[in-house]
């Protein structure tokens, strides 16, 4: 089963395989900038890597 591929958008919440939550800050060109819960500094991944490593949290 494959997970649906959607483009990340600002303020969306995602989680990684270990269950850690992140919040998308911005999506520019081919980069996603996000913040991990509990951290002050942003992280930046390529869109491809972000989609591969994170799953959207729906509530």
PDB file of N, CA and C in Angstrom:
ATOM      1  N   UNK A   1       0.845  -1.173   0.000  1.00  0.00           N
ATOM      2  CA  UNK A   1       0.000   0.000   0.000  1.00  0.00           C
ATOM      3  C   UNK A   1       0.894   1.242   0.000  1.00  0.00           C
ATOM      4  N   UNK A   2       0.588   2.192  -0.847  1.00  0.00           N
ATOM      5  CA  UNK A   2       1.374   3.415  -0.912  1.00  0.00           C
ATOM      6  C   UNK A   2       0.606   4.547  -0.264  1.00  0.00           C
ATOM      7  N   UNK A   3       1.344   5.490   0.325  1.00  0.00           N
ATOM      8  CA  UNK A   3       0.670   6.628   0.929  1.00  0.00           C
ATOM      9  C   UNK A   3       0.417   7.682  -0.142  1.00  0.00           C
ATOM     10  N   UNK A   4      -0.692   8.419  -0.038  1.00  0.00           N
ATOM     11  CA  UNK A   4      -0.971   9.443  -1.036  1.00  0.00           C
ATOM     12  C   UNK A   4       0.096  10.534  -0.990  1.00  0.00           C
ATOM     13  N   UNK A   5       0.427  11.051  -2.149  1.00  0.00           N
ATOM     14  CA  UNK A   5       1.438  12.099  -2.226  1.00  0.00           C
ATOM     15  C   UNK A   5       0.728  13.438  -2.366  1.00  0.00           C
ATOM     16  N   UNK A   6       0.918  14.301  -1.380  1.00  0.00           N
ATOM     17  CA  UNK A   6       0.363  15.644  -1.450  1.00  0.00           C
ATOM     18  C   UNK A   6       1.482  16.635  -1.186  1.00  0.00           C
ATOM     19  N   UNK A   7       1.333  17.800  -1.738  1.00  0.00           N
ATOM     20  CA  UNK A   7       2.333  18.848  -1.571  1.00  0.00           C
ATOM     21  C   UNK A   7       2.215  19.429  -0.166  1.00  0.00           C
ATOM     22  N   UNK A   8       3.298  19.478   0.597  1.00  0.00           N
ATOM     23  CA  UNK A   8       3.247  20.087   1.925  1.00  0.00           C
ATOM     24  C   UNK A   8       2.889  21.571   1.816  1.00  0.00           C
ATOM     25  N   UNK A   9       2.153  22.070   2.806  1.00  0.00           N
ATOM     26  CA  UNK A   9       1.772  23.477   2.852  1.00  0.00           C
ATOM     27  C   UNK A   9       2.071  24.039   4.232  1.00  0.00           C
ATOM     28  N   UNK A  10       2.308  25.356   4.322  1.00  0.00           N
ATOM     29  CA  UNK A  10       2.595  25.969   5.621  1.00  0.00           C
ATOM     30  C   UNK A  10       1.528  25.643   6.661  1.00  0.00           C
ATOM     31  N   UNK A  11       1.989  25.422   7.882  1.00  0.00           N
ATOM     32  CA  UNK A  11       1.173  25.114   9.059  1.00  0.00           C
ATOM     33  C   UNK A  11       0.615  23.698   9.093  1.00  0.00           C
ATOM     34  N   UNK A  12       0.913  22.864   8.102  1.00  0.00           N
ATOM     35  CA  UNK A  12       0.501  21.466   8.170  1.00  0.00           C
ATOM     36  C   UNK A  12       1.410  20.724   9.133  1.00  0.00           C
ATOM     37  N   UNK A  13       0.846  19.718   9.799  1.00  0.00           N
ATOM     38  CA  UNK A  13       1.610  18.898  10.746  1.00  0.00           C
ATOM     39  C   UNK A  13       1.913  17.551  10.109  1.00  0.00           C
ATOM     40  N   UNK A  14       3.127  17.077  10.337  1.00  0.00           N
ATOM     41  CA  UNK A  14       3.580  15.781   9.831  1.00  0.00           C
ATOM     42  C   UNK A  14       4.301  15.054  10.948  1.00  0.00           C
ATOM     43  N   UNK A  15       4.483  13.741  10.774  1.00  0.00           N
ATOM     44  CA  UNK A  15       5.303  12.987  11.721  1.00  0.00           C
ATOM     45  C   UNK A  15       6.215  12.053  10.960  1.00  0.00           C
ATOM     46  N   UNK A  16       7.363  11.752  11.601  1.00  0.00           N
ATOM     47  CA  UNK A  16       8.320  10.841  10.981  1.00  0.00           C
ATOM     48  C   UNK A  16       8.061   9.424  11.479  1.00  0.00           C
ATOM     49  N   UNK A  17       8.892   8.490  11.064  1.00  0.00           N
ATOM     50  CA  UNK A  17       8.708   7.077  11.408  1.00  0.00           C
ATOM     51  C   UNK A  17       8.766   6.822  12.909  1.00  0.00           C
ATOM     52  N   UNK A  18       9.482   7.671  13.648  1.00  0.00           N
ATOM     53  CA  UNK A  18       9.574   7.482  15.099  1.00  0.00           C
ATOM     54  C   UNK A  18       8.442   8.181  15.852  1.00  0.00           C
ATOM     55  N   UNK A  19       7.570   8.889  15.124  1.00  0.00           N
ATOM     56  CA  UNK A  19       6.432   9.557  15.750  1.00  0.00           C
ATOM     57  C   UNK A  19       6.677  11.006  16.127  1.00  0.00           C
ATOM     58  N   UNK A  20       7.867  11.538  15.843  1.00  0.00           N
ATOM     59  CA  UNK A  20       8.171  12.938  16.151  1.00  0.00           C
ATOM     60  C   UNK A  20       7.375  13.857  15.233  1.00  0.00           C
ATOM     61  N   UNK A  21       6.800  14.907  15.813  1.00  0.00           N
ATOM     62  CA  UNK A  21       5.977  15.833  15.047  1.00  0.00           C
ATOM     63  C   UNK A  21       6.785  17.007  14.523  1.00  0.00           C
ATOM     64  N   UNK A  22       6.415  17.469  13.325  1.00  0.00           N
ATOM     65  CA  UNK A  22       6.998  18.670  12.735  1.00  0.00           C
ATOM     66  C   UNK A  22       5.865  19.528  12.181  1.00  0.00           C
ATOM     67  N   UNK A  23       6.130  20.824  12.069  1.00  0.00           N
ATOM     68  CA  UNK A  23       5.184  21.761  11.472  1.00  0.00           C
ATOM     69  C   UNK A  23       5.873  22.447  10.299  1.00  0.00           C
ATOM     70  N   UNK A  24       5.233  22.410   9.138  1.00  0.00           N
ATOM     71  CA  UNK A  24       5.794  23.041   7.943  1.00  0.00           C
ATOM     72  C   UNK A  24       5.732  24.554   8.108  1.00  0.00           C
ATOM     73  N   UNK A  25       6.853  25.206   7.851  1.00  0.00           N
ATOM     74  CA  UNK A  25       6.924  26.668   7.920  1.00  0.00           C
ATOM     75  C   UNK A  25       6.749  27.278   6.533  1.00  0.00           C
ATOM     76  N   UNK A  26       7.481  26.744   5.546  1.00  0.00           N
ATOM     77  CA  UNK A  26       7.371  27.278   4.190  1.00  0.00           C
ATOM     78  C   UNK A  26       7.765  26.224   3.166  1.00  0.00           C
ATOM     79  N   UNK A  27       7.265  26.426   1.953  1.00  0.00           N
ATOM     80  CA  UNK A  27       7.627  25.582   0.818  1.00  0.00           C
ATOM     81  C   UNK A  27       8.025  26.532  -0.305  1.00  0.00           C
ATOM     82  N   UNK A  28       9.309  26.531  -0.640  1.00  0.00           N
ATOM     83  CA  UNK A  28       9.826  27.413  -1.679  1.00  0.00           C
ATOM     84  C   UNK A  28      10.611  26.596  -2.685  1.00  0.00           C
ATOM     85  N   UNK A  29      10.278  26.766  -3.950  1.00  0.00           N
ATOM     86  CA  UNK A  29      10.947  26.061  -5.029  1.00  0.00           C
ATOM     87  C   UNK A  29      10.868  24.560  -4.760  1.00  0.00           C
ATOM     88  N   UNK A  30      11.983  23.914  -4.484  1.00  0.00           N
ATOM     89  CA  UNK A  30      11.970  22.466  -4.221  1.00  0.00           C
ATOM     90  C   UNK A  30      12.381  22.154  -2.788  1.00  0.00           C
ATOM     91  N   UNK A  31      12.173  23.088  -1.864  1.00  0.00           N
ATOM     92  CA  UNK A  31      12.585  22.924  -0.465  1.00  0.00           C
ATOM     93  C   UNK A  31      11.422  23.118   0.496  1.00  0.00           C
ATOM     94  N   UNK A  32      11.417  22.308   1.552  1.00  0.00           N
ATOM     95  CA  UNK A  32      10.437  22.439   2.632  1.00  0.00           C
ATOM     96  C   UNK A  32      11.196  22.827   3.893  1.00  0.00           C
ATOM     97  N   UNK A  33      10.796  23.920   4.517  1.00  0.00           N
ATOM     98  CA  UNK A  33      11.381  24.340   5.785  1.00  0.00           C
ATOM     99  C   UNK A  33      10.359  24.044   6.867  1.00  0.00           C
ATOM    100  N   UNK A  34      10.807  23.382   7.936  1.00  0.00           N
ATOM    101  CA  UNK A  34       9.886  22.961   8.987  1.00  0.00           C
ATOM    102  C   UNK A  34      10.570  23.050  10.338  1.00  0.00           C
ATOM    103  N   UNK A  35       9.748  23.012  11.382  1.00  0.00           N
ATOM    104  CA  UNK A  35      10.244  23.013  12.759  1.00  0.00           C
ATOM    105  C   UNK A  35       9.852  21.706  13.424  1.00  0.00           C
ATOM    106  N   UNK A  36      10.793  21.098  14.108  1.00  0.00           N
ATOM    107  CA  UNK A  36      10.509  19.909  14.913  1.00  0.00           C
ATOM    108  C   UNK A  36       9.943  20.360  16.250  1.00  0.00           C
ATOM    109  N   UNK A  37       8.991  19.617  16.780  1.00  0.00           N
ATOM    110  CA  UNK A  37       8.403  19.945  18.080  1.00  0.00           C
ATOM    111  C   UNK A  37       9.497  19.989  19.134  1.00  0.00           C
ATOM    112  N   UNK A  38       9.550  21.095  19.898  1.00  0.00           N
ATOM    113  CA  UNK A  38      10.530  21.234  20.958  1.00  0.00           C
ATOM    114  C   UNK A  38      11.850  21.855  20.540  1.00  0.00           C
ATOM    115  N   UNK A  39      12.008  22.184  19.258  1.00  0.00           N
ATOM    116  CA  UNK A  39      13.250  22.784  18.765  1.00  0.00           C
ATOM    117  C   UNK A  39      12.983  24.186  18.230  1.00  0.00           C
ATOM    118  N   UNK A  40      13.957  25.081  18.388  1.00  0.00           N
ATOM    119  CA  UNK A  40      13.806  26.460  17.927  1.00  0.00           C
ATOM    120  C   UNK A  40      14.318  26.685  16.514  1.00  0.00           C
ATOM    121  N   UNK A  41      15.278  25.890  16.080  1.00  0.00           N
ATOM    122  CA  UNK A  41      15.900  26.095  14.767  1.00  0.00           C
ATOM    123  C   UNK A  41      15.148  25.328  13.681  1.00  0.00           C
ATOM    124  N   UNK A  42      15.011  25.934  12.499  1.00  0.00           N
ATOM    125  CA  UNK A  42      14.315  25.246  11.409  1.00  0.00           C
ATOM    126  C   UNK A  42      15.200  24.199  10.740  1.00  0.00           C
ATOM    127  N   UNK A  43      14.558  23.250  10.079  1.00  0.00           N
ATOM    128  CA  UNK A  43      15.229  22.248   9.251  1.00  0.00           C
ATOM    129  C   UNK A  43      14.743  22.452   7.820  1.00  0.00           C
ATOM    130  N   UNK A  44      15.576  22.116   6.855  1.00  0.00           N
ATOM    131  CA  UNK A  44      15.190  22.228   5.450  1.00  0.00           C
ATOM    132  C   UNK A  44      15.543  20.936   4.732  1.00  0.00           C
ATOM    133  N   UNK A  45      14.544  20.360   4.056  1.00  0.00           N
ATOM    134  CA  UNK A  45      14.727  19.148   3.255  1.00  0.00           C
ATOM    135  C   UNK A  45      14.230  19.430   1.847  1.00  0.00           C
ATOM    136  N   UNK A  46      14.681  18.627   0.904  1.00  0.00           N
ATOM    137  CA  UNK A  46      14.085  18.683  -0.431  1.00  0.00           C
ATOM    138  C   UNK A  46      12.652  18.166  -0.306  1.00  0.00           C
ATOM    139  N   UNK A  47      11.792  18.572  -1.217  1.00  0.00           N
ATOM    140  CA  UNK A  47      10.406  18.101  -1.175  1.00  0.00           C
ATOM    141  C   UNK A  47      10.364  16.586  -1.281  1.00  0.00           C
ATOM    142  N   UNK A  48      11.189  16.018  -2.146  1.00  0.00           N
ATOM    143  CA  UNK A  48      11.199  14.563  -2.328  1.00  0.00           C
ATOM    144  C   UNK A  48      11.547  13.846  -1.027  1.00  0.00           C
ATOM    145  N   UNK A  49      12.578  14.317  -0.343  1.00  0.00           N
ATOM    146  CA  UNK A  49      12.973  13.687   0.923  1.00  0.00           C
ATOM    147  C   UNK A  49      11.883  13.865   1.970  1.00  0.00           C
ATOM    148  N   UNK A  50      11.302  15.052   2.047  1.00  0.00           N
ATOM    149  CA  UNK A  50      10.267  15.319   3.038  1.00  0.00           C
ATOM    150  C   UNK A  50       9.076  14.376   2.836  1.00  0.00           C
ATOM    151  N   UNK A  51       8.611  14.248   1.606  1.00  0.00           N
ATOM    152  CA  UNK A  51       7.470  13.369   1.312  1.00  0.00           C
ATOM    153  C   UNK A  51       7.813  11.917   1.629  1.00  0.00           C
ATOM    154  N   UNK A  52       9.047  11.518   1.366  1.00  0.00           N
ATOM    155  CA  UNK A  52       9.476  10.138   1.621  1.00  0.00           C
ATOM    156  C   UNK A  52       9.550   9.830   3.116  1.00  0.00           C
ATOM    157  N   UNK A  53       9.978  10.804   3.932  1.00  0.00           N
ATOM    158  CA  UNK A  53      10.252  10.548   5.344  1.00  0.00           C
ATOM    159  C   UNK A  53       9.139  10.945   6.311  1.00  0.00           C
ATOM    160  N   UNK A  54       8.152  11.703   5.856  1.00  0.00           N
ATOM    161  CA  UNK A  54       7.106  12.179   6.758  1.00  0.00           C
ATOM    162  C   UNK A  54       5.718  11.817   6.252  1.00  0.00           C
ATOM    163  N   UNK A  55       4.794  11.654   7.196  1.00  0.00           N
ATOM    164  CA  UNK A  55       3.396  11.366   6.906  1.00  0.00           C
ATOM    165  C   UNK A  55       2.544  12.468   7.514  1.00  0.00           C
ATOM    166  N   UNK A  56       1.583  12.974   6.738  1.00  0.00           N
ATOM    167  CA  UNK A  56       0.730  14.049   7.230  1.00  0.00           C
ATOM    168  C   UNK A  56      -0.126  13.564   8.395  1.00  0.00           C
ATOM    169  N   UNK A  57      -0.259  14.424   9.402  1.00  0.00           N
ATOM    170  CA  UNK A  57      -1.101  14.135  10.559  1.00  0.00           C
ATOM    171  C   UNK A  57      -2.450  14.789  10.306  1.00  0.00           C
ATOM    172  N   UNK A  58      -3.511  13.993  10.277  1.00  0.00           N
ATOM    173  CA  UNK A  58      -4.851  14.541  10.077  1.00  0.00           C
ATOM    174  C   UNK A  58      -5.640  14.413  11.365  1.00  0.00           C
ATOM    175  N   UNK A  59      -6.363  15.474  11.680  1.00  0.00           N
ATOM    176  CA  UNK A  59      -7.166  15.445  12.908  1.00  0.00           C
ATOM    177  C   UNK A  59      -8.556  15.920  12.646  1.00  0.00           C
TER     178      UNK A  59
END
